[in-house]
Amino acid sequence: MKLSLRQRLIVTHLVLLIVVTFAAGLIITYELQRYYKSRLFEQLRTQLEGIDFFLGTTSLSFDQERLSYGQLTGFARASQLRLTLIDSAGIVLFESNISHDSLRFIENHLRRPEVQMALKDGIGRDERLSATVRQRLFYVAKKVKLRREHAGFLSRVAVVRLAIPLAEIERTLREMRWSIFAGGGLAVLIIGGVSFLISSRLTTPISELARVADLVKRGHLEAHFQHHADDELGELADLLNEMLAKLREDWEKIQKLEKMRSQFLGNVSHELRTPIFAVQGYLETLMDNPGENPLVQKEFVEKAYRQAARLNNLLTDLIDISRIESGEMKMSFRYFDLYEWLSKQVAEMQSTAHENQVTLALAPSSSPPQIAVLGDRERLTQVITNLATNAIKYNIPGGKVEVGYREKTDSVEIFVADTGRGIPAEHLARIFERFYRVDKERSRAVGGTGLGLAIVKHIVEAHDGQVTVRSEVGNGSVFSFALKKK
C-alpha cells in the first residue's frame, strides 16, 4: 500500500514515540527496581546488625530449646521479618515461618548463594523463588559469632538471614510500568493529533505545488504557484514561479521562432522557385527551338545565366545567415587600420558603381587617417559590401554614394550614405527582416536576395553594435554602425 507523505510523517512520529516510550518504560523500571532493591538490601542489612546485637546481648532464657525457639518466633513476627538461623554446616537451626517440629524436614542451606557469600565475605544477598513458602523472596545473610556462654542451638549459629517477599516491590513496579505505558499511549494520541496538524500544514503546500506542476506538465503554462509562507516552501514556490516565467518566455520564443521558421521556409521556397522556373523556362525554349536566331538564343542564355547567378547569390546568403544564427560562424576579432580598409572596399566596388551610373567615394573626414578598430575584418567587409551595393543599386542615375567614418570618444562610427530614392517611414522598422523588400519588383530586377540587411544586422550585433538608419523619401538614406577603437 502506497502511503502519502502526510501518512508517512504521522506513522514515523508514532513509531518513534512508541519505541521511546517502551524503551523509557524498560529503563525506568530497571532503574527503579535496582534502586528499591538497593534500599531494601541496606534496610535488611541494618536490621541484621540489630538482630546480631540482640542475639548477643539478650537476657532471654535460651537454656530450654523450645522456649528459646518460641521467643525468637514471637520476636520475628513482631518485627514482621522472616528470620532464619543457620549453623556453619548449613543446617537450619531456626526458621520463623516453620514450627520447631518441622525443622528436620528443611533441606540443608549451605549451598544457598547468600549463605555462601556471607560465610566468605561476611554479607550476602540473593533473590529467588522460595522452595519453602513458594514465594519470590529477597534474602540477605550475615555471618555472626555469638558468645560461647549461650546454651542450646543458639551457640551453634554461624549465619543470620532475613527474607522479605518481592511481591510488593514487583506490584509497585508493575503499576509504575503500566502508568508509563498509559502515559505513553496518551502521548501517542496527542502526538498523533499534533503530527496530523503539522503534517497537514507541511504537506498541503507540497500537494498544491505538485498539483500546479502537473498542470504545467499538461501544458497549462499560465498556472501559478501560490503560497502564504516565508519558509523554505515559500522560497521553493517563488523559485518555481521564476522558472515558470522563464519557461513561458522560452515557449513564446520557441513559438515565435517556429513561426519565423515557417515563414522563412515559405520565403526560401518562393525565392528559389522564381529563378529555378525562369532558368527552366529559358532552357526549354532553347531546346524547343534549336534553329532560333543566334541573337535570340544568346539573349535567352544571358537571362538564364543571370537567374543562375541570382540563385547562387541567394544560396550563399542563406548559408551565411544560417551559420550566423546557429552560432557556427565564429568571429575573429583583431585590430586593423580603418582608413586603409575602407579605401580598399571603395576601390573594389567602383566597377559596380560605374555600371549603375553612380559615383562612389570615400567621404572626407576630420579624424586622423591612422585609426585602428576592433573587429572581424572579413565579416565587416561583407557588411560594407552589402550596404554599399544596396546604396548603389537602389540609387538614381547620376547619384552619389559616400563611405566614411566619424571618430567618437571610445568608438568610430562607420556610415554609408546615398542620394537615392529613400525609404518610406513605414518600412524602416522591418527592412532588416529576412526577405523583406521595400520595392519587391526592383529588388529582384537588380538581383537582390532579400537577406543582405539581415546579414548586416547579425554581423554588427556580433560586434556588440547596432545598425541605425536615417532615410527620407527623395533625399536618400544613411546606414551607420560603430566599432570599438584602439
Protein backbone atom coordinates (compact mmCIF):
# COMPACT_ATOMS: atom_id res chain seq x y z
CA MET A 1 0.00 0.00 0.00
CA LYS A 2 1.38 3.36 -1.01
CA LEU A 3 1.48 5.89 1.82
CA SER A 4 1.25 9.62 1.29
CA LEU A 5 3.87 11.96 2.72
CA ARG A 6 1.41 13.02 5.42
CA GLN A 7 0.77 9.41 6.42
CA ARG A 8 4.48 8.62 6.45
CA LEU A 9 5.17 11.59 8.72
CA ILE A 10 2.42 10.58 11.16
CA VAL A 11 3.44 6.91 11.19
CA THR A 12 7.11 7.87 11.68
CA HIS A 13 6.28 10.10 14.63
CA LEU A 14 4.06 7.47 16.24
CA VAL A 15 6.57 4.65 15.76
CA LEU A 16 9.34 6.79 17.25
CA LEU A 17 7.12 7.73 20.19
CA ILE A 18 6.13 4.11 20.85
CA VAL A 19 9.75 2.96 20.70
CA VAL A 20 10.87 5.77 23.01
CA THR A 21 8.01 5.10 25.44
CA PHE A 22 8.72 1.38 25.54
CA ALA A 23 12.45 1.95 25.99
CA ALA A 24 11.83 4.58 28.66
CA GLY A 25 9.46 2.20 30.49
CA LEU A 26 12.06 -0.54 30.50
CA ILE A 27 14.88 1.74 31.60
CA ILE A 28 12.86 3.43 34.32
CA THR A 29 11.53 0.10 35.59
CA TYR A 30 15.02 -1.37 35.68
CA GLU A 31 16.47 1.65 37.46
CA LEU A 32 13.63 1.80 39.98
CA GLN A 33 13.89 -1.92 40.62
CA ARG A 34 17.62 -1.55 41.15
CA TYR A 35 17.04 1.41 43.44
CA TYR A 36 14.36 -0.33 45.55
CA LYS A 37 16.40 -3.48 45.90
CA SER A 38 19.44 -1.46 46.90
CA ARG A 39 17.40 0.33 49.53
CA LEU A 40 15.88 -2.96 50.64
CA PHE A 41 19.33 -4.53 50.94
CA GLU A 42 20.54 -1.64 53.10
CA GLN A 43 17.42 -1.84 55.22
CA LEU A 44 17.76 -5.59 55.79
CA ARG A 45 21.47 -5.28 56.48
CA THR A 46 20.71 -2.67 59.14
CA GLN A 47 18.14 -4.99 60.68
CA LEU A 48 20.64 -7.85 60.63
CA GLU A 49 23.03 -5.67 62.58
CA GLY A 50 20.29 -5.13 65.14
CA ILE A 51 19.44 -8.84 65.35
CA ASP A 52 23.11 -9.66 65.72
CA PHE A 53 23.30 -7.22 68.61
CA PHE A 54 20.03 -8.54 70.06
CA LEU A 55 21.17 -12.15 70.00
CA GLY A 56 24.50 -11.25 71.51
CA THR A 57 23.09 -9.24 74.38
CA THR A 58 19.64 -10.71 75.09
CA SER A 59 18.86 -11.89 78.57
CA LEU A 60 16.22 -14.31 77.39
CA SER A 61 16.49 -17.82 78.69
CA PHE A 62 17.99 -19.93 75.96
CA ASP A 63 18.51 -22.92 78.14
CA GLN A 64 15.31 -24.52 77.08
CA GLU A 65 15.38 -25.00 73.35
CA ARG A 66 11.63 -24.92 72.74
CA LEU A 67 11.21 -21.84 74.90
CA SER A 68 14.03 -20.10 73.03
CA TYR A 69 12.53 -21.09 69.68
CA GLY A 70 9.14 -19.69 70.68
CA GLN A 71 10.64 -16.47 71.92
CA LEU A 72 12.53 -15.93 68.63
CA THR A 73 9.41 -16.74 66.63
CA GLY A 74 7.47 -14.09 68.52
CA PHE A 75 10.29 -11.61 68.02
CA ALA A 76 10.37 -12.24 64.23
CA ARG A 77 6.61 -11.94 63.85
CA ALA A 78 6.53 -8.77 65.91
CA SER A 79 9.24 -7.33 63.67
CA GLN A 80 7.39 -8.64 60.53
CA LEU A 81 10.53 -10.42 59.43
CA ARG A 82 11.27 -13.87 58.20
CA LEU A 83 14.26 -14.86 60.28
CA THR A 84 16.48 -17.87 59.67
CA LEU A 85 19.42 -19.05 61.79
CA ILE A 86 21.91 -21.41 60.16
CA ASP A 87 24.98 -23.15 61.52
CA SER A 88 28.32 -23.41 59.76
CA ALA A 89 27.34 -26.76 58.23
CA GLY A 90 24.24 -25.29 56.58
CA ILE A 91 21.74 -26.84 59.00
CA VAL A 92 18.73 -24.63 59.69
CA LEU A 93 18.54 -24.05 63.45
CA PHE A 94 15.62 -21.64 63.38
CA GLU A 95 13.02 -20.60 60.78
CA SER A 96 10.40 -18.09 61.90
CA ASN A 97 7.76 -19.41 59.47
CA ILE A 98 8.31 -23.06 60.42
CA SER A 99 7.43 -24.81 63.68
CA HIS A 100 10.15 -26.36 65.77
CA ASP A 101 8.95 -29.84 64.91
CA SER A 102 9.22 -29.22 61.15
CA LEU A 103 12.86 -28.12 61.16
CA ARG A 104 14.08 -31.61 60.38
CA PHE A 105 12.29 -31.51 57.02
CA ILE A 106 14.11 -28.39 55.80
CA GLU A 107 16.93 -29.12 53.40
CA ASN A 108 20.46 -28.04 54.07
CA HIS A 109 21.12 -24.32 53.29
CA LEU A 110 24.88 -24.42 52.95
CA ARG A 111 24.78 -24.11 49.15
CA ARG A 112 22.40 -21.21 49.14
CA PRO A 113 24.10 -18.25 47.36
CA GLU A 114 23.53 -15.74 50.13
CA VAL A 115 24.88 -18.18 52.76
CA GLN A 116 28.00 -18.89 50.72
CA MET A 117 28.60 -15.16 50.25
CA ALA A 118 28.05 -14.47 53.97
CA LEU A 119 30.49 -17.18 55.04
CA LYS A 120 33.04 -15.87 52.58
CA ASP A 121 32.57 -12.08 52.68
CA GLY A 122 30.57 -11.52 55.84
CA ILE A 123 27.41 -10.42 53.99
CA GLY A 124 25.47 -11.99 51.14
CA ARG A 125 22.28 -11.44 49.09
CA ASP A 126 20.09 -13.26 46.58
CA GLU A 127 16.55 -13.31 45.21
CA ARG A 128 14.63 -16.37 44.06
CA LEU A 129 11.53 -18.45 44.46
CA SER A 130 11.49 -19.98 47.92
CA ALA A 131 11.01 -23.73 47.93
CA THR A 132 9.68 -23.49 51.47
CA VAL A 133 6.98 -20.79 51.18
CA ARG A 134 6.56 -20.77 47.38
CA GLN A 135 7.17 -17.01 47.02
CA ARG A 136 9.78 -14.86 45.39
CA LEU A 137 11.93 -13.62 48.23
CA PHE A 138 14.80 -11.24 48.68
CA TYR A 139 17.44 -12.74 51.00
CA VAL A 140 20.18 -11.01 52.96
CA ALA A 141 22.51 -13.11 55.14
CA LYS A 142 25.17 -12.06 57.65
CA LYS A 143 27.92 -14.06 59.27
CA VAL A 144 27.79 -13.81 63.10
CA LYS A 145 29.79 -15.06 66.06
CA LEU A 146 27.75 -15.28 69.27
CA ARG A 147 29.09 -15.66 72.81
CA ARG A 148 30.11 -19.14 73.78
CA GLU A 149 28.19 -18.99 77.06
CA HIS A 150 24.89 -19.29 75.11
CA ALA A 151 23.28 -22.65 75.55
CA GLY A 152 21.29 -24.77 73.14
CA PHE A 153 21.07 -24.19 69.40
CA LEU A 154 21.98 -20.51 69.73
CA SER A 155 25.57 -21.42 70.46
CA ARG A 156 25.85 -23.07 67.05
CA VAL A 157 24.52 -20.11 64.96
CA ALA A 158 27.00 -19.02 62.26
CA VAL A 159 24.71 -17.17 59.76
CA VAL A 160 21.68 -15.00 60.38
CA ARG A 161 19.39 -14.49 57.38
CA LEU A 162 16.41 -12.23 56.73
CA ALA A 163 13.98 -12.60 53.83
CA ILE A 164 11.22 -10.35 52.55
CA PRO A 165 8.72 -11.06 49.73
CA LEU A 166 9.31 -9.25 46.45
CA ALA A 167 5.60 -9.24 45.60
CA GLU A 168 5.09 -5.72 46.95
CA ILE A 169 8.05 -4.32 45.04
CA GLU A 170 7.03 -6.13 41.86
CA ARG A 171 3.46 -4.87 42.24
CA THR A 172 4.69 -1.30 42.65
CA LEU A 173 6.97 -1.63 39.64
CA ARG A 174 4.18 -3.22 37.64
CA GLU A 175 1.84 -0.34 38.45
CA MET A 176 4.53 2.16 37.57
CA ARG A 177 5.26 0.37 34.30
CA TRP A 178 1.59 0.44 33.34
CA SER A 179 1.43 4.11 34.31
CA ILE A 180 4.35 4.82 31.98
CA PHE A 181 2.72 2.85 29.15
CA ALA A 182 -0.63 4.53 29.78
CA GLY A 183 1.07 7.93 29.68
CA GLY A 184 2.86 6.85 26.53
CA GLY A 185 -0.45 5.80 25.00
CA LEU A 186 -1.96 9.18 25.84
CA ALA A 187 1.13 10.84 24.39
CA VAL A 188 0.71 8.73 21.24
CA LEU A 189 -2.82 10.08 20.83
CA ILE A 190 -1.74 13.67 21.47
CA ILE A 191 1.35 13.43 19.26
CA GLY A 192 -0.75 11.71 16.60
CA GLY A 193 -3.15 14.64 16.54
CA VAL A 194 -0.34 17.20 16.59
CA SER A 195 1.52 15.27 13.87
CA PHE A 196 -1.62 15.27 11.76
CA LEU A 197 -1.95 19.04 12.09
CA ILE A 198 1.75 19.69 11.48
CA SER A 199 1.99 17.25 8.59
CA SER A 200 -1.14 18.76 7.05
CA ARG A 201 0.43 22.19 7.29
CA LEU A 202 3.59 20.85 5.68
CA THR A 203 2.11 18.58 3.03
CA THR A 204 -0.81 20.73 1.88
CA PRO A 205 1.52 23.30 0.23
CA ILE A 206 3.57 20.46 -1.24
CA SER A 207 0.42 18.86 -2.64
CA GLU A 208 -0.55 22.22 -4.11
CA LEU A 209 2.90 22.55 -5.69
CA ALA A 210 2.53 19.05 -7.15
CA ARG A 211 -0.93 19.92 -8.50
CA VAL A 212 0.29 23.07 -10.22
CA ALA A 213 3.36 21.21 -11.53
CA ASP A 214 1.02 18.62 -13.06
CA LEU A 215 -0.95 21.42 -14.74
CA VAL A 216 2.31 22.81 -16.15
CA LYS A 217 3.28 19.34 -17.36
CA ARG A 218 0.00 19.16 -19.26
CA GLY A 219 0.71 22.46 -20.97
CA HIS A 220 -1.05 25.00 -18.74
CA LEU A 221 1.84 27.45 -18.63
CA GLU A 222 -0.40 30.18 -17.22
CA ALA A 223 -0.53 28.30 -13.89
CA HIS A 224 0.99 29.96 -10.82
CA PHE A 225 2.40 28.52 -7.59
CA GLN A 226 0.51 30.16 -4.72
CA HIS A 227 1.95 30.28 -1.21
CA HIS A 228 1.37 32.14 2.06
CA ALA A 229 4.56 31.32 3.94
CA ASP A 230 8.04 32.76 4.27
CA ASP A 231 9.71 29.40 4.87
CA GLU A 232 11.60 27.05 2.54
CA LEU A 233 8.36 26.03 0.78
CA GLY A 234 7.65 29.68 0.05
CA GLU A 235 11.14 30.08 -1.37
CA LEU A 236 10.60 26.94 -3.47
CA ALA A 237 7.29 28.31 -4.78
CA ASP A 238 8.97 31.63 -5.70
CA LEU A 239 11.78 29.76 -7.45
CA LEU A 240 9.29 27.60 -9.38
CA ASN A 241 7.33 30.71 -10.38
CA GLU A 242 10.55 32.28 -11.69
CA MET A 243 11.33 29.10 -13.62
CA LEU A 244 7.78 29.03 -14.96
CA ALA A 245 8.05 32.66 -16.07
CA LYS A 246 11.27 31.82 -17.93
CA LEU A 247 9.57 28.76 -19.39
CA ARG A 248 6.72 30.94 -20.65
CA GLU A 249 9.23 33.33 -22.21
CA ASP A 250 11.13 30.45 -23.76
CA TRP A 251 7.89 28.93 -25.02
CA GLU A 252 6.90 32.25 -26.57
CA LYS A 253 10.34 32.47 -28.16
CA ILE A 254 10.02 28.91 -29.44
CA GLN A 255 6.61 29.68 -30.91
CA LYS A 256 7.97 32.87 -32.43
CA LEU A 257 10.97 31.02 -33.84
CA GLU A 258 8.69 28.31 -35.17
CA LYS A 259 6.58 30.95 -36.86
CA MET A 260 9.70 32.59 -38.24
CA ARG A 261 10.97 29.21 -39.41
CA SER A 262 7.72 28.53 -41.24
CA GLN A 263 7.79 31.96 -42.80
CA PHE A 264 11.45 31.53 -43.62
CA LEU A 265 10.85 28.19 -45.32
CA GLY A 266 7.96 29.69 -47.24
CA ASN A 267 10.06 32.66 -48.30
CA VAL A 268 13.01 30.45 -49.25
CA SER A 269 10.76 28.21 -51.32
CA HIS A 270 9.28 31.23 -53.07
CA GLU A 271 12.66 32.89 -53.67
CA LEU A 272 14.20 29.67 -55.01
CA ARG A 273 11.24 28.78 -57.15
CA THR A 274 11.34 32.03 -59.16
CA PRO A 275 14.90 31.76 -60.59
CA ILE A 276 14.63 27.99 -60.99
CA PHE A 277 11.42 28.29 -63.01
CA ALA A 278 12.94 31.14 -65.05
CA VAL A 279 16.06 29.11 -65.90
CA GLN A 280 13.90 26.09 -66.68
CA GLY A 281 11.70 28.23 -69.00
CA TYR A 282 14.65 29.69 -70.86
CA LEU A 283 16.27 26.28 -71.34
CA GLU A 284 13.02 24.69 -72.53
CA THR A 285 12.60 27.50 -75.08
CA LEU A 286 16.12 26.89 -76.38
CA MET A 287 15.52 23.12 -76.54
CA ASP A 288 12.21 23.52 -78.37
CA ASN A 289 13.68 25.97 -80.87
CA PRO A 290 17.17 24.75 -81.72
CA GLY A 291 17.24 26.69 -85.00
CA GLU A 292 16.32 30.00 -83.38
CA ASN A 293 18.12 33.20 -84.32
CA PRO A 294 21.59 33.24 -82.68
CA LEU A 295 20.91 36.66 -81.21
CA VAL A 296 17.72 35.41 -79.56
CA GLN A 297 19.49 32.32 -78.33
CA LYS A 298 22.25 34.47 -76.83
CA GLU A 299 19.65 36.65 -75.08
CA PHE A 300 17.98 33.61 -73.54
CA VAL A 301 21.32 32.18 -72.42
CA GLU A 302 22.25 35.51 -70.80
CA LYS A 303 18.91 35.63 -68.99
CA ALA A 304 19.36 32.04 -67.77
CA TYR A 305 22.87 32.94 -66.60
CA ARG A 306 21.61 35.95 -64.65
CA GLN A 307 18.95 33.82 -62.95
CA ALA A 308 21.55 31.18 -62.13
CA ALA A 309 23.80 33.89 -60.68
CA ARG A 310 20.88 35.20 -58.64
CA LEU A 311 20.20 31.65 -57.40
CA ASN A 312 23.86 31.27 -56.42
CA ASN A 313 23.80 34.59 -54.52
CA LEU A 314 20.63 33.53 -52.72
CA LEU A 315 22.11 30.19 -51.65
CA THR A 316 25.31 31.92 -50.49
CA ASP A 317 23.33 34.39 -48.37
CA LEU A 318 21.16 31.57 -46.98
CA ILE A 319 24.24 29.64 -45.91
CA ASP A 320 25.76 32.76 -44.32
CA ILE A 321 22.69 33.73 -42.33
CA SER A 322 22.13 30.13 -41.24
CA ARG A 323 25.72 29.88 -39.95
CA ILE A 324 25.42 33.23 -38.16
CA GLU A 325 22.12 32.44 -36.43
CA SER A 326 23.23 28.94 -35.41
CA GLY A 327 26.49 30.27 -33.96
CA GLU A 328 28.52 28.17 -36.38
CA MET A 329 30.12 31.25 -37.91
CA LYS A 330 32.84 32.25 -35.45
CA MET A 331 34.20 35.77 -35.36
CA SER A 332 37.93 36.50 -35.26
CA PHE A 333 38.45 39.92 -33.66
CA ARG A 334 41.61 41.83 -34.50
CA TYR A 335 42.62 45.48 -34.61
CA PHE A 336 43.05 46.77 -38.17
CA ASP A 337 43.59 50.10 -39.93
CA LEU A 338 40.17 51.56 -40.68
CA TYR A 339 41.17 54.06 -43.38
CA GLU A 340 43.19 51.53 -45.36
CA TRP A 341 40.36 49.00 -45.16
CA LEU A 342 37.60 51.39 -46.26
CA SER A 343 39.75 52.68 -49.11
CA LYS A 344 40.17 49.14 -50.37
CA GLN A 345 36.39 48.47 -50.20
CA VAL A 346 35.60 51.63 -52.14
CA ALA A 347 38.16 50.77 -54.78
CA GLU A 348 36.85 47.23 -55.28
CA MET A 349 33.25 48.41 -55.75
CA GLN A 350 33.99 51.11 -58.33
CA SER A 351 33.08 48.85 -61.23
CA THR A 352 29.63 48.15 -59.74
CA ALA A 353 29.10 51.89 -59.20
CA HIS A 354 30.14 52.64 -62.77
CA GLU A 355 27.73 50.03 -64.17
CA ASN A 356 24.87 51.72 -62.29
CA GLN A 357 25.97 55.28 -63.23
CA VAL A 358 26.62 56.16 -59.58
CA THR A 359 29.61 57.98 -58.08
CA LEU A 360 31.21 56.08 -55.18
CA ALA A 361 33.75 57.87 -52.99
CA LEU A 362 35.40 57.82 -49.58
CA ALA A 363 33.92 60.68 -47.59
CA PRO A 364 36.38 63.27 -46.28
CA SER A 365 36.94 63.15 -42.52
CA SER A 366 38.42 65.47 -39.95
CA SER A 367 39.66 62.45 -38.00
CA PRO A 368 43.26 61.28 -38.47
CA PRO A 369 43.63 58.56 -41.12
CA GLN A 370 45.52 56.20 -38.81
CA ILE A 371 42.71 54.78 -36.66
CA ALA A 372 42.65 51.13 -35.60
CA VAL A 373 39.33 49.47 -34.84
CA LEU A 374 38.49 46.07 -33.36
CA GLY A 375 36.51 43.55 -35.41
CA ASP A 376 36.40 40.61 -37.79
CA ARG A 377 37.75 42.25 -40.94
CA GLU A 378 36.35 39.59 -43.29
CA ARG A 379 32.81 39.76 -41.89
CA LEU A 380 32.86 43.55 -41.72
CA THR A 381 33.87 43.56 -45.40
CA GLN A 382 30.62 41.66 -46.03
CA VAL A 383 28.73 44.39 -44.10
CA ILE A 384 30.25 47.28 -46.07
CA THR A 385 29.81 45.40 -49.36
CA ASN A 386 26.10 44.75 -48.69
CA LEU A 387 25.40 48.33 -47.56
CA ALA A 388 27.37 49.95 -50.39
CA THR A 389 25.88 47.59 -53.02
CA ASN A 390 22.33 48.45 -51.86
CA ALA A 391 23.20 52.17 -51.87
CA ILE A 392 24.49 51.85 -55.46
CA LYS A 393 21.77 49.63 -56.95
CA TYR A 394 18.82 51.45 -55.35
CA ASN A 395 20.19 54.86 -56.25
CA ILE A 396 19.21 57.11 -59.15
CA PRO A 397 21.28 57.62 -62.32
CA GLY A 398 23.92 60.21 -61.56
CA GLY A 399 23.51 59.64 -57.84
CA LYS A 400 26.26 59.58 -55.26
CA VAL A 401 27.35 57.15 -52.50
CA GLU A 402 29.80 58.04 -49.77
CA VAL A 403 31.53 55.63 -47.38
CA GLY A 404 33.15 57.27 -44.37
CA TYR A 405 33.69 57.38 -40.62
CA ARG A 406 33.47 59.74 -37.64
CA GLU A 407 35.63 59.38 -34.57
CA LYS A 408 33.92 59.36 -31.17
CA THR A 409 35.19 59.04 -27.59
CA ASP A 410 35.54 55.25 -27.37
CA SER A 411 34.45 54.18 -30.84
CA VAL A 412 34.34 55.05 -34.50
CA GLU A 413 31.06 55.43 -36.38
CA ILE A 414 31.17 53.99 -39.92
CA PHE A 415 28.49 55.10 -42.38
CA VAL A 416 27.28 54.56 -45.92
CA ALA A 417 25.25 57.47 -47.32
CA ASP A 418 23.44 57.71 -50.65
CA THR A 419 21.38 60.18 -52.62
CA GLY A 420 18.83 57.60 -53.76
CA ARG A 421 15.07 57.40 -53.55
CA GLY A 422 14.98 56.97 -49.77
CA ILE A 423 12.87 54.57 -47.72
CA PRO A 424 9.29 55.37 -46.63
CA ALA A 425 8.96 55.68 -42.83
CA GLU A 426 6.51 52.77 -42.56
CA HIS A 427 9.16 50.37 -43.89
CA LEU A 428 12.10 51.41 -41.71
CA ALA A 429 11.21 49.14 -38.78
CA ARG A 430 11.20 46.00 -40.95
CA ILE A 431 13.98 46.46 -43.52
CA PHE A 432 16.36 44.21 -41.51
CA GLU A 433 13.93 41.27 -41.59
CA ARG A 434 14.78 38.34 -43.83
CA PHE A 435 13.31 38.61 -47.35
CA TYR A 436 11.64 41.93 -46.55
CA ARG A 437 11.69 44.25 -49.57
CA VAL A 438 10.50 47.83 -49.89
CA ASP A 439 10.21 47.53 -53.70
CA LYS A 440 9.93 43.82 -54.49
CA GLU A 441 9.99 44.13 -58.25
CA ARG A 442 13.01 46.45 -58.35
CA SER A 443 14.81 44.33 -55.75
CA ARG A 444 14.52 41.20 -57.88
CA ALA A 445 15.41 43.17 -61.00
CA VAL A 446 18.74 44.27 -59.53
CA GLY A 447 19.49 40.78 -58.25
CA GLY A 448 18.73 41.32 -54.54
CA THR A 449 18.19 38.25 -52.35
CA GLY A 450 16.31 39.98 -49.52
CA LEU A 451 18.88 38.75 -47.00
CA GLY A 452 21.61 41.37 -47.28
CA LEU A 453 20.43 43.69 -44.48
CA ALA A 454 19.56 40.73 -42.21
CA ILE A 455 23.16 39.52 -42.58
CA VAL A 456 24.43 43.04 -41.87
CA LYS A 457 22.33 43.24 -38.70
CA HIS A 458 23.59 39.89 -37.34
CA ILE A 459 27.27 40.62 -38.03
CA VAL A 460 27.12 44.08 -36.43
CA GLU A 461 25.32 42.69 -33.38
CA ALA A 462 28.08 40.08 -33.07
CA HIS A 463 30.42 43.08 -32.69
CA ASP A 464 28.25 44.39 -29.82
CA GLY A 465 26.91 47.11 -32.10
CA GLN A 466 23.67 48.15 -33.74
CA VAL A 467 22.85 49.26 -37.27
CA THR A 468 20.94 52.51 -37.45
CA VAL A 469 19.27 54.05 -40.49
CA ARG A 470 18.10 57.55 -41.32
CA SER A 471 16.13 57.97 -44.51
CA GLU A 472 13.90 60.48 -46.22
CA VAL A 473 11.96 59.80 -49.37
CA GLY A 474 13.59 61.65 -52.27
CA ASN A 475 16.72 62.56 -50.27
CA GLY A 476 18.44 59.22 -49.79
CA SER A 477 19.48 57.14 -46.79
CA VAL A 478 22.33 56.82 -44.25
CA PHE A 479 23.20 53.46 -42.67
CA SER A 480 25.72 53.50 -39.81
CA PHE A 481 27.25 51.35 -37.06
CA ALA A 482 30.06 51.74 -34.54
CA LEU A 483 33.25 49.78 -33.81
CA LYS A 484 35.49 49.95 -30.75
CA LYS A 485 38.65 51.88 -31.43
CA LYS A 486 42.11 51.15 -30.08
